[in-house]
């Protein structure tokens, strides 16, 4: 299965959820970025900082 990942701000999180669902026909997984990741990650739909990562696969734990 191909991994589909979207980064989204508060405004665009529902759009990201809809797109991941439409592209994969699977239930999406939504994870919150930590503060350090938020600073360097922008939304895929606008220039605001991303708060969420929406994907069809769960991210591996960071050790």
PDB file of N, CA and C in Angstrom:
ATOM      1  N   UNK A   1       0.847  -1.179   0.000  1.00  0.00           N
ATOM      2  CA  UNK A   1       0.000   0.000   0.000  1.00  0.00           C
ATOM      3  C   UNK A   1       0.891   1.240   0.000  1.00  0.00           C
ATOM      4  N   UNK A   2       0.560   2.170  -0.846  1.00  0.00           N
ATOM      5  CA  UNK A   2       1.304   3.428  -0.930  1.00  0.00           C
ATOM      6  C   UNK A   2       0.977   4.310   0.276  1.00  0.00           C
ATOM      7  N   UNK A   3       2.004   4.923   0.840  1.00  0.00           N
ATOM      8  CA  UNK A   3       1.806   5.824   1.969  1.00  0.00           C
ATOM      9  C   UNK A   3       1.444   7.209   1.460  1.00  0.00           C
ATOM     10  N   UNK A   4       0.356   7.748   1.968  1.00  0.00           N
ATOM     11  CA  UNK A   4      -0.079   9.105   1.642  1.00  0.00           C
ATOM     12  C   UNK A   4      -0.019   9.906   2.933  1.00  0.00           C
ATOM     13  N   UNK A   5       0.702  11.026   2.900  1.00  0.00           N
ATOM     14  CA  UNK A   5       0.869  11.863   4.081  1.00  0.00           C
ATOM     15  C   UNK A   5       0.610  13.314   3.724  1.00  0.00           C
ATOM     16  N   UNK A   6      -0.177  13.982   4.542  1.00  0.00           N
ATOM     17  CA  UNK A   6      -0.480  15.408   4.371  1.00  0.00           C
ATOM     18  C   UNK A   6      -0.178  16.118   5.679  1.00  0.00           C
ATOM     19  N   UNK A   7       0.459  17.273   5.583  1.00  0.00           N
ATOM     20  CA  UNK A   7       0.700  18.112   6.756  1.00  0.00           C
ATOM     21  C   UNK A   7      -0.317  19.238   6.719  1.00  0.00           C
ATOM     22  N   UNK A   8      -0.952  19.529   7.854  1.00  0.00           N
ATOM     23  CA  UNK A   8      -2.044  20.499   7.847  1.00  0.00           C
ATOM     24  C   UNK A   8      -2.055  21.384   9.089  1.00  0.00           C
ATOM     25  N   UNK A   9      -2.494  22.625   8.872  1.00  0.00           N
ATOM     26  CA  UNK A   9      -2.739  23.550   9.979  1.00  0.00           C
ATOM     27  C   UNK A   9      -4.159  23.293  10.498  1.00  0.00           C
ATOM     28  N   UNK A  10      -4.556  24.041  11.515  1.00  0.00           N
ATOM     29  CA  UNK A  10      -5.896  23.886  12.103  1.00  0.00           C
ATOM     30  C   UNK A  10      -6.992  24.110  11.061  1.00  0.00           C
ATOM     31  N   UNK A  11      -6.788  25.066  10.165  1.00  0.00           N
ATOM     32  CA  UNK A  11      -7.784  25.409   9.148  1.00  0.00           C
ATOM     33  C   UNK A  11      -7.978  24.300   8.121  1.00  0.00           C
ATOM     34  N   UNK A  12      -6.907  23.603   7.756  1.00  0.00           N
ATOM     35  CA  UNK A  12      -6.966  22.651   6.648  1.00  0.00           C
ATOM     36  C   UNK A  12      -6.952  21.177   7.058  1.00  0.00           C
ATOM     37  N   UNK A  13      -7.072  20.872   8.344  1.00  0.00           N
ATOM     38  CA  UNK A  13      -6.990  19.484   8.782  1.00  0.00           C
ATOM     39  C   UNK A  13      -8.126  18.632   8.205  1.00  0.00           C
ATOM     40  N   UNK A  14      -9.317  19.177   8.077  1.00  0.00           N
ATOM     41  CA  UNK A  14     -10.439  18.391   7.528  1.00  0.00           C
ATOM     42  C   UNK A  14     -10.237  18.108   6.045  1.00  0.00           C
ATOM     43  N   UNK A  15      -9.641  19.043   5.334  1.00  0.00           N
ATOM     44  CA  UNK A  15      -9.330  18.819   3.921  1.00  0.00           C
ATOM     45  C   UNK A  15      -8.313  17.682   3.791  1.00  0.00           C
ATOM     46  N   UNK A  16      -7.292  17.697   4.640  1.00  0.00           N
ATOM     47  CA  UNK A  16      -6.283  16.636   4.614  1.00  0.00           C
ATOM     48  C   UNK A  16      -6.908  15.275   4.930  1.00  0.00           C
ATOM     49  N   UNK A  17      -7.786  15.228   5.930  1.00  0.00           N
ATOM     50  CA  UNK A  17      -8.480  13.978   6.264  1.00  0.00           C
ATOM     51  C   UNK A  17      -9.290  13.469   5.077  1.00  0.00           C
ATOM     52  N   UNK A  18     -10.018  14.364   4.415  1.00  0.00           N
ATOM     53  CA  UNK A  18     -10.827  13.983   3.252  1.00  0.00           C
ATOM     54  C   UNK A  18      -9.958  13.465   2.113  1.00  0.00           C
ATOM     55  N   UNK A  19      -8.843  14.147   1.834  1.00  0.00           N
ATOM     56  CA  UNK A  19      -7.982  13.746   0.721  1.00  0.00           C
ATOM     57  C   UNK A  19      -7.308  12.397   0.969  1.00  0.00           C
ATOM     58  N   UNK A  20      -6.823  12.168   2.181  1.00  0.00           N
ATOM     59  CA  UNK A  20      -6.187  10.880   2.485  1.00  0.00           C
ATOM     60  C   UNK A  20      -7.211   9.755   2.364  1.00  0.00           C
ATOM     61  N   UNK A  21      -8.413   9.985   2.858  1.00  0.00           N
ATOM     62  CA  UNK A  21      -9.474   8.979   2.752  1.00  0.00           C
ATOM     63  C   UNK A  21      -9.815   8.699   1.291  1.00  0.00           C
ATOM     64  N   UNK A  22      -9.959   9.750   0.491  1.00  0.00           N
ATOM     65  CA  UNK A  22     -10.312   9.587  -0.922  1.00  0.00           C
ATOM     66  C   UNK A  22      -9.205   8.889  -1.710  1.00  0.00           C
ATOM     67  N   UNK A  23      -7.956   9.205  -1.417  1.00  0.00           N
ATOM     68  CA  UNK A  23      -6.832   8.641  -2.170  1.00  0.00           C
ATOM     69  C   UNK A  23      -6.528   7.193  -1.799  1.00  0.00           C
ATOM     70  N   UNK A  24      -6.827   6.797  -0.570  1.00  0.00           N
ATOM     71  CA  UNK A  24      -6.425   5.465  -0.114  1.00  0.00           C
ATOM     72  C   UNK A  24      -7.581   4.525   0.194  1.00  0.00           C
ATOM     73  N   UNK A  25      -8.789   5.060   0.324  1.00  0.00           N
ATOM     74  CA  UNK A  25      -9.961   4.275   0.727  1.00  0.00           C
ATOM     75  C   UNK A  25      -9.716   3.571   2.063  1.00  0.00           C
ATOM     76  N   UNK A  26      -8.890   4.188   2.900  1.00  0.00           N
ATOM     77  CA  UNK A  26      -8.591   3.655   4.231  1.00  0.00           C
ATOM     78  C   UNK A  26      -8.863   4.733   5.269  1.00  0.00           C
ATOM     79  N   UNK A  27      -9.111   4.298   6.496  1.00  0.00           N
ATOM     80  CA  UNK A  27      -9.349   5.247   7.572  1.00  0.00           C
ATOM     81  C   UNK A  27      -8.053   5.995   7.865  1.00  0.00           C
ATOM     82  N   UNK A  28      -8.064   7.332   7.868  1.00  0.00           N
ATOM     83  CA  UNK A  28      -6.829   8.089   8.085  1.00  0.00           C
ATOM     84  C   UNK A  28      -6.404   8.107   9.554  1.00  0.00           C
ATOM     85  N   UNK A  29      -5.121   8.298   9.749  1.00  0.00           N
ATOM     86  CA  UNK A  29      -4.551   8.444  11.084  1.00  0.00           C
ATOM     87  C   UNK A  29      -4.072   9.884  11.212  1.00  0.00           C
ATOM     88  N   UNK A  30      -4.501  10.558  12.280  1.00  0.00           N
ATOM     89  CA  UNK A  30      -4.112  11.949  12.500  1.00  0.00           C
ATOM     90  C   UNK A  30      -3.226  12.020  13.735  1.00  0.00           C
ATOM     91  N   UNK A  31      -2.039  12.590  13.560  1.00  0.00           N
ATOM     92  CA  UNK A  31      -1.100  12.742  14.662  1.00  0.00           C
ATOM     93  C   UNK A  31      -0.758  14.217  14.824  1.00  0.00           C
ATOM     94  N   UNK A  32      -0.501  14.634  16.048  1.00  0.00           N
ATOM     95  CA  UNK A  32      -0.129  16.014  16.335  1.00  0.00           C
ATOM     96  C   UNK A  32       1.391  16.141  16.303  1.00  0.00           C
ATOM     97  N   UNK A  33       1.876  17.184  15.641  1.00  0.00           N
ATOM     98  CA  UNK A  33       3.312  17.449  15.628  1.00  0.00           C
ATOM     99  C   UNK A  33       3.737  18.007  16.980  1.00  0.00           C
ATOM    100  N   UNK A  34       4.961  17.713  17.392  1.00  0.00           N
ATOM    101  CA  UNK A  34       5.455  18.324  18.626  1.00  0.00           C
ATOM    102  C   UNK A  34       5.914  19.748  18.316  1.00  0.00           C
ATOM    103  N   UNK A  35       6.174  20.535  19.335  1.00  0.00           N
ATOM    104  CA  UNK A  35       6.493  21.961  19.158  1.00  0.00           C
ATOM    105  C   UNK A  35       7.715  22.181  18.273  1.00  0.00           C
ATOM    106  N   UNK A  36       8.744  21.369  18.395  1.00  0.00           N
ATOM    107  CA  UNK A  36       9.947  21.530  17.570  1.00  0.00           C
ATOM    108  C   UNK A  36       9.637  21.270  16.098  1.00  0.00           C
ATOM    109  N   UNK A  37       8.823  20.248  15.812  1.00  0.00           N
ATOM    110  CA  UNK A  37       8.449  19.938  14.428  1.00  0.00           C
ATOM    111  C   UNK A  37       7.549  21.023  13.846  1.00  0.00           C
ATOM    112  N   UNK A  38       6.661  21.597  14.678  1.00  0.00           N
ATOM    113  CA  UNK A  38       5.754  22.650  14.213  1.00  0.00           C
ATOM    114  C   UNK A  38       6.520  23.843  13.662  1.00  0.00           C
ATOM    115  N   UNK A  39       7.617  24.195  14.291  1.00  0.00           N
ATOM    116  CA  UNK A  39       8.375  25.378  13.897  1.00  0.00           C
ATOM    117  C   UNK A  39       8.948  25.266  12.491  1.00  0.00           C
ATOM    118  N   UNK A  40       9.293  24.063  12.064  1.00  0.00           N
ATOM    119  CA  UNK A  40       9.937  23.899  10.764  1.00  0.00           C
ATOM    120  C   UNK A  40       9.041  23.272   9.700  1.00  0.00           C
ATOM    121  N   UNK A  41       7.792  23.008  10.015  1.00  0.00           N
ATOM    122  CA  UNK A  41       6.897  22.322   9.083  1.00  0.00           C
ATOM    123  C   UNK A  41       5.737  23.223   8.704  1.00  0.00           C
ATOM    124  N   UNK A  42       5.540  23.431   7.399  1.00  0.00           N
ATOM    125  CA  UNK A  42       4.415  24.252   6.957  1.00  0.00           C
ATOM    126  C   UNK A  42       3.284  23.367   6.442  1.00  0.00           C
ATOM    127  N   UNK A  43       2.110  23.924   6.462  1.00  0.00           N
ATOM    128  CA  UNK A  43       0.909  23.268   5.957  1.00  0.00           C
ATOM    129  C   UNK A  43       1.067  23.015   4.459  1.00  0.00           C
ATOM    130  N   UNK A  44       0.533  21.896   3.974  1.00  0.00           N
ATOM    131  CA  UNK A  44       0.574  21.589   2.543  1.00  0.00           C
ATOM    132  C   UNK A  44      -0.367  22.475   1.728  1.00  0.00           C
ATOM    133  N   UNK A  45      -1.241  23.225   2.390  1.00  0.00           N
ATOM    134  CA  UNK A  45      -2.263  24.004   1.693  1.00  0.00           C
ATOM    135  C   UNK A  45      -2.101  25.516   1.838  1.00  0.00           C
ATOM    136  N   UNK A  46      -1.252  25.958   2.779  1.00  0.00           N
ATOM    137  CA  UNK A  46      -1.050  27.393   3.001  1.00  0.00           C
ATOM    138  C   UNK A  46       0.292  27.593   3.706  1.00  0.00           C
ATOM    139  N   UNK A  47       0.725  28.836   3.885  1.00  0.00           N
ATOM    140  CA  UNK A  47       2.036  29.070   4.515  1.00  0.00           C
ATOM    141  C   UNK A  47       2.058  28.988   6.049  1.00  0.00           C
ATOM    142  N   UNK A  48       0.953  28.679   6.674  1.00  0.00           N
ATOM    143  CA  UNK A  48       0.914  28.582   8.142  1.00  0.00           C
ATOM    144  C   UNK A  48       1.671  27.344   8.633  1.00  0.00           C
ATOM    145  N   UNK A  49       2.027  27.355   9.907  1.00  0.00           N
ATOM    146  CA  UNK A  49       2.695  26.198  10.513  1.00  0.00           C
ATOM    147  C   UNK A  49       1.730  25.018  10.576  1.00  0.00           C
ATOM    148  N   UNK A  50       2.231  23.846  10.235  1.00  0.00           N
ATOM    149  CA  UNK A  50       1.420  22.628  10.337  1.00  0.00           C
ATOM    150  C   UNK A  50       1.328  22.208  11.797  1.00  0.00           C
ATOM    151  N   UNK A  51       0.171  21.720  12.181  1.00  0.00           N
ATOM    152  CA  UNK A  51      -0.052  21.223  13.536  1.00  0.00           C
ATOM    153  C   UNK A  51      -0.270  19.709  13.505  1.00  0.00           C
ATOM    154  N   UNK A  52      -0.801  19.208  12.392  1.00  0.00           N
ATOM    155  CA  UNK A  52      -1.162  17.794  12.273  1.00  0.00           C
ATOM    156  C   UNK A  52      -0.485  17.143  11.075  1.00  0.00           C
ATOM    157  N   UNK A  53      -0.256  15.844  11.193  1.00  0.00           N
ATOM    158  CA  UNK A  53       0.134  15.004  10.068  1.00  0.00           C
ATOM    159  C   UNK A  53      -0.979  13.988   9.912  1.00  0.00           C
ATOM    160  N   UNK A  54      -1.550  13.935   8.720  1.00  0.00           N
ATOM    161  CA  UNK A  54      -2.625  12.989   8.418  1.00  0.00           C
ATOM    162  C   UNK A  54      -2.063  11.989   7.415  1.00  0.00           C
ATOM    163  N   UNK A  55      -2.218  10.708   7.712  1.00  0.00           N
ATOM    164  CA  UNK A  55      -1.631   9.675   6.879  1.00  0.00           C
ATOM    165  C   UNK A  55      -2.498   8.424   6.896  1.00  0.00           C
ATOM    166  N   UNK A  56      -2.210   7.515   5.974  1.00  0.00           N
ATOM    167  CA  UNK A  56      -2.890   6.228   5.992  1.00  0.00           C
ATOM    168  C   UNK A  56      -2.056   5.169   6.710  1.00  0.00           C
ATOM    169  N   UNK A  57      -0.878   5.558   7.198  1.00  0.00           N
ATOM    170  CA  UNK A  57       0.003   4.655   7.937  1.00  0.00           C
ATOM    171  C   UNK A  57       0.477   5.367   9.195  1.00  0.00           C
ATOM    172  N   UNK A  58       0.591   4.648  10.300  1.00  0.00           N
ATOM    173  CA  UNK A  58       1.063   5.253  11.541  1.00  0.00           C
ATOM    174  C   UNK A  58       2.573   5.458  11.474  1.00  0.00           C
ATOM    175  N   UNK A  59       3.024   6.610  11.959  1.00  0.00           N
ATOM    176  CA  UNK A  59       4.456   6.913  11.986  1.00  0.00           C
ATOM    177  C   UNK A  59       5.170   5.992  12.966  1.00  0.00           C
ATOM    178  N   UNK A  60       6.394   5.584  12.628  1.00  0.00           N
ATOM    179  CA  UNK A  60       7.145   4.772  13.591  1.00  0.00           C
ATOM    180  C   UNK A  60       7.540   5.626  14.792  1.00  0.00           C
ATOM    181  N   UNK A  61       7.635   5.033  15.968  1.00  0.00           N
ATOM    182  CA  UNK A  61       8.022   5.815  17.146  1.00  0.00           C
ATOM    183  C   UNK A  61       9.445   6.344  17.010  1.00  0.00           C
ATOM    184  N   UNK A  62       9.665   7.544  17.511  1.00  0.00           N
ATOM    185  CA  UNK A  62      10.996   8.158  17.478  1.00  0.00           C
ATOM    186  C   UNK A  62      11.723   7.747  18.750  1.00  0.00           C
ATOM    187  N   UNK A  63      12.922   7.172  18.589  1.00  0.00           N
ATOM    188  CA  UNK A  63      13.661   6.745  19.776  1.00  0.00           C
ATOM    189  C   UNK A  63      14.766   7.704  20.108  1.00  0.00           C
TER     190      UNK A  63
END
